[in-house]
């Protein structure tokens, strides 16, 4: 079959295009990488070309679990972000009831994982039942012979400790509000003005649980 010059050019162009497409496809297929990206509540498979040794990193936000009871509208267990504060837990629980005693609640304090929060009412004077967790005990109602919980004691309770005056008591509370709960009694030595000697004087009078 004799083809004209124009027809031969068209055939050549078509063949060349097919060869180019096949070569490009094979090249891309060899360089294709599959990655799985994880989000908060979803997963997606993403195919892309790894031309420059690209690396995709997606950080999973950390979570904490807290338990809140007392004068909130929806007491229960909630999952919050790791940098959450008490007001986040209160908001998750529907907010404070009109009977909640805000004076005994530091809404700005940062939360820890597995923490128990009890929001007391205006007319509560007795400690919360121990079944709710020792963290919920109101320090001001401890007996004279009981250990003072430095995670919940107010200024007056802390001043009952040997050698602790008004200034040091306020520093203990300020440190707690800024850094979160004391994990062990030795942590109180991080408070300015409380060294080894003063710690030895009060270590048998305090607790963090």
Protein backbone atom coordinates (compact mmCIF):
# COMPACT_ATOMS: atom_id res chain seq x y z
CA UNK A 1 0.00 0.00 0.00
CA UNK A 2 1.45 3.29 -1.07
CA UNK A 3 1.02 6.13 1.43
CA UNK A 4 1.33 9.73 0.66
CA UNK A 5 3.94 11.81 2.40
CA UNK A 6 1.28 13.40 4.62
CA UNK A 7 -0.18 10.00 5.59
CA UNK A 8 3.27 8.63 6.46
CA UNK A 9 3.85 11.65 8.71
CA UNK A 10 0.55 11.09 10.52
CA UNK A 11 1.31 7.39 11.09
CA UNK A 12 4.77 8.25 12.40
CA UNK A 13 3.36 10.86 14.78
CA UNK A 14 0.77 8.42 16.17
CA UNK A 15 3.35 5.66 16.72
CA UNK A 16 5.77 8.09 18.36
CA UNK A 17 3.01 9.35 20.68
CA UNK A 18 2.10 5.80 21.72
CA UNK A 19 5.73 4.93 22.44
CA UNK A 20 6.16 8.12 24.48
CA UNK A 21 3.00 7.47 26.51
CA UNK A 22 3.97 3.86 27.27
CA UNK A 23 7.46 4.91 28.34
CA UNK A 24 6.13 7.67 30.58
CA UNK A 25 3.58 5.33 32.18
CA UNK A 26 6.23 2.72 32.99
CA UNK A 27 8.51 5.38 34.46
CA UNK A 28 5.79 6.80 36.68
CA UNK A 29 4.64 3.36 37.80
CA UNK A 30 8.14 2.46 38.94
CA UNK A 31 8.45 5.64 41.00
CA UNK A 32 5.02 5.59 42.58
CA UNK A 33 4.87 5.26 46.37
CA UNK A 34 1.84 4.62 48.51
CA UNK A 35 1.45 6.30 51.87
CA UNK A 36 -1.19 6.09 54.56
CA UNK A 37 -1.98 9.30 56.38
CA UNK A 38 -3.74 9.15 59.74
CA UNK A 39 -5.98 11.97 60.92
CA UNK A 40 -8.08 12.34 64.07
CA UNK A 41 -10.91 10.08 62.93
CA UNK A 42 -10.09 9.02 59.38
CA UNK A 43 -7.49 7.29 57.19
CA UNK A 44 -6.75 7.99 53.57
CA UNK A 45 -4.61 6.19 51.01
CA UNK A 46 -2.64 8.64 48.95
CA UNK A 47 -0.68 7.83 45.77
CA UNK A 48 1.88 10.38 44.73
CA UNK A 49 5.15 10.68 42.82
CA UNK A 50 8.27 10.67 44.94
CA UNK A 51 10.47 12.89 42.77
CA UNK A 52 12.59 14.51 45.48
CA UNK A 53 12.54 11.94 48.29
CA UNK A 54 9.61 13.73 49.92
CA UNK A 55 8.52 12.71 53.41
CA UNK A 56 5.06 13.38 54.80
CA UNK A 57 4.63 13.52 58.58
CA UNK A 58 1.25 13.98 60.21
CA UNK A 59 1.28 14.21 64.00
CA UNK A 60 -1.52 12.56 65.93
CA UNK A 61 -2.68 14.89 68.73
CA UNK A 62 -2.29 13.42 72.21
CA UNK A 63 -5.39 12.84 74.32
CA UNK A 64 -6.12 12.57 78.05
CA UNK A 65 -9.07 10.99 79.85
CA UNK A 66 -10.62 12.82 82.81
CA UNK A 67 -13.56 12.14 85.12
CA UNK A 68 -15.69 15.05 86.31
CA UNK A 69 -18.49 14.91 88.89
CA UNK A 70 -20.40 17.26 91.14
CA UNK A 71 -22.03 20.53 90.16
CA UNK A 72 -21.91 20.19 86.36
CA UNK A 73 -24.82 19.46 84.04
CA UNK A 74 -23.40 16.29 82.48
CA UNK A 75 -21.01 14.48 84.86
CA UNK A 76 -18.98 11.69 83.33
CA UNK A 77 -15.75 10.66 81.64
CA UNK A 78 -14.39 12.77 78.79
CA UNK A 79 -11.54 12.65 76.30
CA UNK A 80 -9.74 15.97 75.96
CA UNK A 81 -6.58 17.36 74.37
CA UNK A 82 -3.38 16.91 76.37
CA UNK A 83 -3.05 20.65 77.07
CA UNK A 84 -6.63 21.00 78.33
CA UNK A 85 -7.49 22.87 81.50
CA UNK A 86 -10.29 22.49 84.02
CA UNK A 87 -12.54 24.91 82.13
CA UNK A 88 -12.31 22.56 79.10
CA UNK A 89 -13.54 19.65 81.23
CA UNK A 90 -16.32 21.81 82.67
CA UNK A 91 -17.36 22.89 79.18
CA UNK A 92 -17.36 19.27 77.97
CA UNK A 93 -19.60 18.39 80.93
CA UNK A 94 -22.17 21.02 79.96
CA UNK A 95 -20.97 23.82 82.22
CA UNK A 96 -21.33 24.63 85.91
CA UNK A 97 -24.68 24.54 87.64
CA UNK A 98 -25.87 27.67 89.51
CA UNK A 99 -25.03 25.90 92.77
CA UNK A 100 -21.34 25.34 91.90
CA UNK A 101 -18.86 27.07 94.20
CA UNK A 102 -16.49 28.80 91.77
CA UNK A 103 -14.28 30.05 94.60
CA UNK A 104 -13.06 26.51 95.22
CA UNK A 105 -12.30 25.73 91.59
CA UNK A 106 -9.29 26.93 89.59
CA UNK A 107 -10.65 26.85 86.05
CA UNK A 108 -7.25 27.76 84.58
CA UNK A 109 -5.34 24.79 86.01
CA UNK A 110 -3.93 22.32 83.46
CA UNK A 111 -5.26 18.77 83.64
CA UNK A 112 -3.42 15.46 83.84
CA UNK A 113 -4.39 12.14 82.33
CA UNK A 114 -6.70 9.99 84.53
CA UNK A 115 -7.56 12.98 86.69
CA UNK A 116 -10.71 13.15 88.80
CA UNK A 117 -12.43 16.52 89.24
CA UNK A 118 -15.17 17.14 91.76
CA UNK A 119 -17.02 20.47 91.59
CA UNK A 120 -18.35 21.27 95.04
CA UNK A 121 -21.57 23.15 95.75
CA UNK A 122 -21.98 26.28 97.86
CA UNK A 123 -23.50 24.34 100.74
CA UNK A 124 -21.03 21.42 100.83
CA UNK A 125 -18.99 21.35 104.02
CA UNK A 126 -18.17 17.65 104.36
CA UNK A 127 -15.47 15.86 102.34
CA UNK A 128 -16.64 14.00 99.27
CA UNK A 129 -17.14 10.27 99.80
CA UNK A 130 -13.84 8.43 99.38
CA UNK A 131 -15.45 6.21 96.75
CA UNK A 132 -15.12 9.14 94.36
CA UNK A 133 -11.34 9.09 94.80
CA UNK A 134 -9.06 10.66 97.36
CA UNK A 135 -8.34 13.51 94.95
CA UNK A 136 -11.81 14.87 95.68
CA UNK A 137 -11.26 15.35 99.40
CA UNK A 138 -11.61 18.95 100.52
CA UNK A 139 -8.35 19.72 102.29
CA UNK A 140 -9.93 22.24 104.64
CA UNK A 141 -12.01 19.52 106.27
CA UNK A 142 -9.17 17.19 107.17
CA UNK A 143 -8.81 16.28 110.81
CA UNK A 144 -5.96 17.69 112.86
CA UNK A 145 -4.04 14.40 112.76
CA UNK A 146 -4.56 13.76 109.05
CA UNK A 147 -1.89 14.38 106.44
CA UNK A 148 -2.32 17.59 104.49
CA UNK A 149 -2.77 17.05 100.77
CA UNK A 150 -0.54 19.64 99.12
CA UNK A 151 -2.47 19.22 95.87
CA UNK A 152 -5.72 20.52 97.40
CA UNK A 153 -4.85 22.37 100.61
CA UNK A 154 -5.59 26.08 100.82
CA UNK A 155 -3.40 28.70 102.47
CA UNK A 156 -4.79 28.15 105.97
CA UNK A 157 -4.24 24.39 105.83
CA UNK A 158 -0.68 24.76 104.56
CA UNK A 159 0.12 27.19 107.38
CA UNK A 160 -0.54 24.33 109.80
CA UNK A 161 2.65 22.69 108.56
CA UNK A 162 5.81 23.09 110.62
CA UNK A 163 7.62 26.28 109.57
CA UNK A 164 5.21 27.23 106.76
CA UNK A 165 3.96 30.79 106.95
CA UNK A 166 1.61 32.80 104.78
CA UNK A 167 4.23 33.60 102.12
CA UNK A 168 5.42 30.01 101.66
CA UNK A 169 1.86 28.70 101.66
CA UNK A 170 0.99 31.03 98.79
CA UNK A 171 4.09 29.93 96.86
CA UNK A 172 3.11 26.26 97.26
CA UNK A 173 -0.31 27.02 95.78
CA UNK A 174 1.09 29.23 93.01
CA UNK A 175 3.53 26.49 91.97
CA UNK A 176 0.68 23.95 91.91
CA UNK A 177 -1.54 26.19 89.80
CA UNK A 178 1.26 26.92 87.33
CA UNK A 179 2.73 23.41 87.00
CA UNK A 180 -0.14 21.08 87.88
CA UNK A 181 -0.40 18.58 90.72
CA UNK A 182 2.61 17.53 92.78
CA UNK A 183 3.36 13.96 91.71
CA UNK A 184 5.26 13.12 94.91
CA UNK A 185 5.89 14.96 98.16
CA UNK A 186 9.53 15.57 97.22
CA UNK A 187 8.31 17.88 94.44
CA UNK A 188 7.47 20.52 97.03
CA UNK A 189 11.22 21.24 97.19
CA UNK A 190 10.82 22.88 93.76
CA UNK A 191 9.02 25.72 95.53
CA UNK A 192 11.28 28.68 96.24
CA UNK A 193 12.11 28.79 99.95
CA UNK A 194 11.63 25.08 100.64
CA UNK A 195 14.96 23.33 100.83
CA UNK A 196 16.09 19.98 102.16
CA UNK A 197 15.91 21.02 105.83
CA UNK A 198 12.39 22.41 105.65
CA UNK A 199 11.27 19.40 103.62
CA UNK A 200 12.55 17.09 106.36
CA UNK A 201 10.51 19.11 108.87
CA UNK A 202 7.22 18.67 106.97
CA UNK A 203 7.58 15.43 104.96
CA UNK A 204 5.72 13.38 107.58
CA UNK A 205 2.81 15.85 107.58
CA UNK A 206 2.04 15.99 103.85
CA UNK A 207 0.73 13.78 101.05
CA UNK A 208 -0.09 14.04 97.36
CA UNK A 209 -2.82 11.34 97.40
